[in-house]
Amino acid sequence: MVPLLGRQVAAVSPNGLPLAVGVFAGLDIWGRATIKTDAGEQEFPPEAVRIRGL
């Protein structure tokens, strides 16, 4: 995940549905991914998404 910091990414649910597109801002201590979108920052738990570079 570290190579994706500051890059455009998509958060995708385990069944393939896109949840958010934005800039990958990092991970917290519990593994939640933070993505900065036009609407603000969104956090996603590790079991709910896969982060993919665009």
PDB file of N, CA and C in Angstrom:
ATOM      1  N   MET A   1       0.805  -1.187   0.000  1.00  0.00           N
ATOM      2  CA  MET A   1       0.000   0.000   0.000  1.00  0.00           C
ATOM      3  C   MET A   1       0.853   1.258   0.000  1.00  0.00           C
ATOM      4  N   VAL A   2       2.019   1.242   0.606  1.00  0.00           N
ATOM      5  CA  VAL A   2       2.829   2.455   0.698  1.00  0.00           C
ATOM      6  C   VAL A   2       3.153   3.044  -0.678  1.00  0.00           C
ATOM      7  N   PRO A   3       3.415   2.247  -1.703  1.00  0.00           N
ATOM      8  CA  PRO A   3       3.670   2.854  -3.016  1.00  0.00           C
ATOM      9  C   PRO A   3       2.477   3.636  -3.564  1.00  0.00           C
ATOM     10  N   LEU A   4       1.290   3.434  -3.028  1.00  0.00           N
ATOM     11  CA  LEU A   4       0.105   4.139  -3.513  1.00  0.00           C
ATOM     12  C   LEU A   4      -0.131   5.478  -2.817  1.00  0.00           C
ATOM     13  N   LEU A   5       0.646   5.802  -1.783  1.00  0.00           N
ATOM     14  CA  LEU A   5       0.443   7.064  -1.071  1.00  0.00           C
ATOM     15  C   LEU A   5       0.514   8.246  -2.026  1.00  0.00           C
ATOM     16  N   GLY A   6      -0.492   9.094  -1.964  1.00  0.00           N
ATOM     17  CA  GLY A   6      -0.537  10.281  -2.792  1.00  0.00           C
ATOM     18  C   GLY A   6      -0.968  10.054  -4.227  1.00  0.00           C
ATOM     19  N   ARG A   7      -1.333   8.827  -4.550  1.00  0.00           N
ATOM     20  CA  ARG A   7      -1.748   8.502  -5.925  1.00  0.00           C
ATOM     21  C   ARG A   7      -3.249   8.300  -6.012  1.00  0.00           C
ATOM     22  N   GLN A   8      -3.749   8.379  -7.220  1.00  0.00           N
ATOM     23  CA  GLN A   8      -5.180   8.166  -7.489  1.00  0.00           C
ATOM     24  C   GLN A   8      -5.492   6.677  -7.308  1.00  0.00           C
ATOM     25  N   VAL A   9      -6.512   6.372  -6.493  1.00  0.00           N
ATOM     26  CA  VAL A   9      -6.900   4.993  -6.218  1.00  0.00           C
ATOM     27  C   VAL A   9      -8.416   4.858  -6.254  1.00  0.00           C
ATOM     28  N   ALA A  10      -8.849   3.607  -6.276  1.00  0.00           N
ATOM     29  CA  ALA A  10     -10.267   3.285  -6.155  1.00  0.00           C
ATOM     30  C   ALA A  10     -10.428   2.328  -4.982  1.00  0.00           C
ATOM     31  N   ALA A  11     -11.435   2.577  -4.161  1.00  0.00           N
ATOM     32  CA  ALA A  11     -11.798   1.659  -3.092  1.00  0.00           C
ATOM     33  C   ALA A  11     -12.916   0.787  -3.643  1.00  0.00           C
ATOM     34  N   VAL A  12     -12.677  -0.520  -3.662  1.00  0.00           N
ATOM     35  CA  VAL A  12     -13.616  -1.468  -4.260  1.00  0.00           C
ATOM     36  C   VAL A  12     -14.054  -2.465  -3.194  1.00  0.00           C
ATOM     37  N   SER A  13     -15.364  -2.715  -3.114  1.00  0.00           N
ATOM     38  CA  SER A  13     -15.875  -3.686  -2.145  1.00  0.00           C
ATOM     39  C   SER A  13     -15.453  -5.093  -2.574  1.00  0.00           C
ATOM     40  N   PRO A  14     -15.495  -6.057  -1.646  1.00  0.00           N
ATOM     41  CA  PRO A  14     -15.105  -7.428  -1.990  1.00  0.00           C
ATOM     42  C   PRO A  14     -15.906  -8.033  -3.151  1.00  0.00           C
ATOM     43  N   ASN A  15     -17.135  -7.563  -3.372  1.00  0.00           N
ATOM     44  CA  ASN A  15     -17.914  -8.099  -4.490  1.00  0.00           C
ATOM     45  C   ASN A  15     -17.723  -7.295  -5.775  1.00  0.00           C
ATOM     46  N   GLY A  16     -16.789  -6.324  -5.760  1.00  0.00           N
ATOM     47  CA  GLY A  16     -16.436  -5.613  -6.978  1.00  0.00           C
ATOM     48  C   GLY A  16     -17.099  -4.271  -7.202  1.00  0.00           C
ATOM     49  N   LEU A  17     -17.955  -3.833  -6.287  1.00  0.00           N
ATOM     50  CA  LEU A  17     -18.618  -2.542  -6.451  1.00  0.00           C
ATOM     51  C   LEU A  17     -17.691  -1.400  -6.044  1.00  0.00           C
ATOM     52  N   PRO A  18     -17.578  -0.376  -6.879  1.00  0.00           N
ATOM     53  CA  PRO A  18     -16.730   0.764  -6.515  1.00  0.00           C
ATOM     54  C   PRO A  18     -17.380   1.580  -5.397  1.00  0.00           C
ATOM     55  N   LEU A  19     -16.602   1.933  -4.393  1.00  0.00           N
ATOM     56  CA  LEU A  19     -17.107   2.697  -3.259  1.00  0.00           C
ATOM     57  C   LEU A  19     -16.640   4.143  -3.275  1.00  0.00           C
ATOM     58  N   ALA A  20     -15.405   4.368  -3.745  1.00  0.00           N
ATOM     59  CA  ALA A  20     -14.868   5.729  -3.780  1.00  0.00           C
ATOM     60  C   ALA A  20     -13.667   5.773  -4.708  1.00  0.00           C
ATOM     61  N   VAL A  21     -13.438   6.958  -5.269  1.00  0.00           N
ATOM     62  CA  VAL A  21     -12.244   7.218  -6.080  1.00  0.00           C
ATOM     63  C   VAL A  21     -11.645   8.503  -5.559  1.00  0.00           C
ATOM     64  N   GLY A  22     -10.342   8.497  -5.324  1.00  0.00           N
ATOM     65  CA  GLY A  22      -9.673   9.685  -4.811  1.00  0.00           C
ATOM     66  C   GLY A  22      -8.199   9.435  -4.621  1.00  0.00           C
ATOM     67  N   VAL A  23      -7.574  10.233  -3.778  1.00  0.00           N
ATOM     68  CA  VAL A  23      -6.146  10.137  -3.503  1.00  0.00           C
ATOM     69  C   VAL A  23      -5.946   9.358  -2.206  1.00  0.00           C
ATOM     70  N   PHE A  24      -5.078   8.362  -2.260  1.00  0.00           N
ATOM     71  CA  PHE A  24      -4.807   7.530  -1.092  1.00  0.00           C
ATOM     72  C   PHE A  24      -3.988   8.333  -0.082  1.00  0.00           C
ATOM     73  N   ALA A  25      -4.544   8.514   1.123  1.00  0.00           N
ATOM     74  CA  ALA A  25      -3.898   9.332   2.149  1.00  0.00           C
ATOM     75  C   ALA A  25      -3.166   8.502   3.195  1.00  0.00           C
ATOM     76  N   GLY A  26      -3.415   7.193   3.273  1.00  0.00           N
ATOM     77  CA  GLY A  26      -2.677   6.356   4.211  1.00  0.00           C
ATOM     78  C   GLY A  26      -3.546   5.377   4.966  1.00  0.00           C
ATOM     79  N   LEU A  27      -2.887   4.721   5.932  1.00  0.00           N
ATOM     80  CA  LEU A  27      -3.529   3.726   6.790  1.00  0.00           C
ATOM     81  C   LEU A  27      -3.363   4.147   8.236  1.00  0.00           C
ATOM     82  N   ASP A  28      -4.358   3.842   9.071  1.00  0.00           N
ATOM     83  CA  ASP A  28      -4.181   4.104  10.494  1.00  0.00           C
ATOM     84  C   ASP A  28      -3.694   2.827  11.176  1.00  0.00           C
ATOM     85  N   ILE A  29      -3.542   2.888  12.472  1.00  0.00           N
ATOM     86  CA  ILE A  29      -2.983   1.765  13.227  1.00  0.00           C
ATOM     87  C   ILE A  29      -3.859   0.510  13.168  1.00  0.00           C
ATOM     88  N   TRP A  30      -5.158   0.660  12.883  1.00  0.00           N
ATOM     89  CA  TRP A  30      -6.074  -0.474  12.809  1.00  0.00           C
ATOM     90  C   TRP A  30      -6.250  -0.975  11.380  1.00  0.00           C
ATOM     91  N   GLY A  31      -5.533  -0.393  10.440  1.00  0.00           N
ATOM     92  CA  GLY A  31      -5.596  -0.845   9.059  1.00  0.00           C
ATOM     93  C   GLY A  31      -6.646  -0.171   8.206  1.00  0.00           C
ATOM     94  N   ARG A  32      -7.329   0.842   8.751  1.00  0.00           N
ATOM     95  CA  ARG A  32      -8.329   1.557   7.955  1.00  0.00           C
ATOM     96  C   ARG A  32      -7.633   2.436   6.926  1.00  0.00           C
ATOM     97  N   ALA A  33      -8.113   2.345   5.696  1.00  0.00           N
ATOM     98  CA  ALA A  33      -7.570   3.149   4.610  1.00  0.00           C
ATOM     99  C   ALA A  33      -8.299   4.488   4.559  1.00  0.00           C
ATOM    100  N   THR A  34      -7.546   5.567   4.363  1.00  0.00           N
ATOM    101  CA  THR A  34      -8.139   6.897   4.218  1.00  0.00           C
ATOM    102  C   THR A  34      -7.938   7.356   2.786  1.00  0.00           C
ATOM    103  N   ILE A  35      -9.038   7.767   2.166  1.00  0.00           N
ATOM    104  CA  ILE A  35      -9.009   8.258   0.794  1.00  0.00           C
ATOM    105  C   ILE A  35      -9.599   9.664   0.786  1.00  0.00           C
ATOM    106  N   LYS A  36      -8.868  10.600   0.183  1.00  0.00           N
ATOM    107  CA  LYS A  36      -9.362  11.975   0.038  1.00  0.00           C
ATOM    108  C   LYS A  36     -10.101  12.074  -1.286  1.00  0.00           C
ATOM    109  N   THR A  37     -11.389  12.394  -1.190  1.00  0.00           N
ATOM    110  CA  THR A  37     -12.228  12.554  -2.376  1.00  0.00           C
ATOM    111  C   THR A  37     -12.669  14.015  -2.482  1.00  0.00           C
ATOM    112  N   ASP A  38     -13.396  14.346  -3.529  1.00  0.00           N
ATOM    113  CA  ASP A  38     -13.928  15.704  -3.684  1.00  0.00           C
ATOM    114  C   ASP A  38     -14.885  16.056  -2.541  1.00  0.00           C
ATOM    115  N   ALA A  39     -15.526  15.049  -1.975  1.00  0.00           N
ATOM    116  CA  ALA A  39     -16.483  15.260  -0.894  1.00  0.00           C
ATOM    117  C   ALA A  39     -15.823  15.314   0.488  1.00  0.00           C
ATOM    118  N   GLY A  40     -14.528  15.067   0.568  1.00  0.00           N
ATOM    119  CA  GLY A  40     -13.813  15.052   1.842  1.00  0.00           C
ATOM    120  C   GLY A  40     -13.083  13.736   2.033  1.00  0.00           C
ATOM    121  N   GLU A  41     -12.617  13.494   3.250  1.00  0.00           N
ATOM    122  CA  GLU A  41     -11.912  12.251   3.545  1.00  0.00           C
ATOM    123  C   GLU A  41     -12.899  11.154   3.926  1.00  0.00           C
ATOM    124  N   GLN A  42     -12.607   9.950   3.444  1.00  0.00           N
ATOM    125  CA  GLN A  42     -13.420   8.788   3.795  1.00  0.00           C
ATOM    126  C   GLN A  42     -12.491   7.701   4.321  1.00  0.00           C
ATOM    127  N   GLU A  43     -12.928   7.011   5.377  1.00  0.00           N
ATOM    128  CA  GLU A  43     -12.167   5.902   5.947  1.00  0.00           C
ATOM    129  C   GLU A  43     -12.901   4.601   5.669  1.00  0.00           C
ATOM    130  N   PHE A  44     -12.116   3.574   5.353  1.00  0.00           N
ATOM    131  CA  PHE A  44     -12.682   2.265   5.045  1.00  0.00           C
ATOM    132  C   PHE A  44     -11.954   1.192   5.849  1.00  0.00           C
ATOM    133  N   PRO A  45     -12.685   0.301   6.543  1.00  0.00           N
ATOM    134  CA  PRO A  45     -12.043  -0.777   7.290  1.00  0.00           C
ATOM    135  C   PRO A  45     -11.457  -1.801   6.327  1.00  0.00           C
ATOM    136  N   PRO A  46     -10.392  -2.493   6.759  1.00  0.00           N
ATOM    137  CA  PRO A  46      -9.693  -3.415   5.858  1.00  0.00           C
ATOM    138  C   PRO A  46     -10.553  -4.571   5.339  1.00  0.00           C
ATOM    139  N   GLU A  47     -11.546  -5.000   6.127  1.00  0.00           N
ATOM    140  CA  GLU A  47     -12.377  -6.117   5.688  1.00  0.00           C
ATOM    141  C   GLU A  47     -13.445  -5.686   4.678  1.00  0.00           C
ATOM    142  N   ALA A  48     -13.638  -4.377   4.501  1.00  0.00           N
ATOM    143  CA  ALA A  48     -14.709  -3.887   3.643  1.00  0.00           C
ATOM    144  C   ALA A  48     -14.261  -3.458   2.248  1.00  0.00           C
ATOM    145  N   VAL A  49     -12.967  -3.229   2.048  1.00  0.00           N
ATOM    146  CA  VAL A  49     -12.513  -2.715   0.741  1.00  0.00           C
ATOM    147  C   VAL A  49     -11.189  -3.323   0.306  1.00  0.00           C
ATOM    148  N   ARG A  50     -10.945  -3.160  -0.966  1.00  0.00           N
ATOM    149  CA  ARG A  50      -9.632  -3.403  -1.563  1.00  0.00           C
ATOM    150  C   ARG A  50      -9.234  -2.103  -2.227  1.00  0.00           C
ATOM    151  N   ILE A  51      -8.016  -1.668  -2.025  1.00  0.00           N
ATOM    152  CA  ILE A  51      -7.537  -0.429  -2.611  1.00  0.00           C
ATOM    153  C   ILE A  51      -6.759  -0.775  -3.878  1.00  0.00           C
ATOM    154  N   ARG A  52      -7.157  -0.167  -4.975  1.00  0.00           N
ATOM    155  CA  ARG A  52      -6.505  -0.439  -6.263  1.00  0.00           C
ATOM    156  C   ARG A  52      -6.032   0.861  -6.885  1.00  0.00           C
ATOM    157  N   GLY A  53      -4.803   0.869  -7.378  1.00  0.00           N
ATOM    158  CA  GLY A  53      -4.283   2.038  -8.062  1.00  0.00           C
ATOM    159  C   GLY A  53      -4.921   2.202  -9.420  1.00  0.00           C
ATOM    160  N   LEU A  54      -5.060   3.447  -9.862  1.00  0.00           N
ATOM    161  CA  LEU A  54      -5.638   3.728 -11.169  1.00  0.00           C
ATOM    162  C   LEU A  54      -4.569   4.167 -12.146  1.00  0.00           C
TER     163      LEU A  54
END
